Amino acid sequence: MTLRVAFAALPHLISGAGAIVAVLAVAILYTAGELVHSAPSQGMSVQAAPPHLRGRYLSVYQLSWAACRTTAPLLLGFLLDAGQWQLWTVLAPMVLTGAAVLLYAERMLPAHVVRTPEATTSEAGNFRSWTMRSRRRTTPP
């Protein structure tokens, strides 16, 4: 969301060839963030769902992203037309509320879905030992 606001602010801050470079940099940063976020969040929505409700969980998950991508440009456009003060007055509480909802939602997830640093470290060790075993099996004598 912050990067979308950066797109709106760029014409006022930079012009000419610098603006093109800045827009490309923001687009690359946004794409990298999506790549880092999309796979784990999709996997978490699959793992959090009971097997008999998995289709519903995934459809609600995808619908939430579609709704955001549909309404955000319209709402941000209205807020930008109203002025910078109104934009930040609305965005700041929305971002803080979203962070609070995510922290609360994390507590409601099943224990096997939430990854702790200890679990991630042990999983990495398990993956390394698995790859070493599989390499030993596939290596010709």
Foldseek 3Di string as FASTA:
>chain_A
DVLVVVLVCLVVPDDDPVSVVVNVVSVVVVVVVCVVPVPLVLVLLQVQDDPVCNVVSNVVVVVVVVVCVVCVVVVLVVQVVVHDVSNCVVVVVVVVVVVVVVVVVVVVGDPVSDDDPVNVVVVVVVVVVVVVVVCVVPDDD
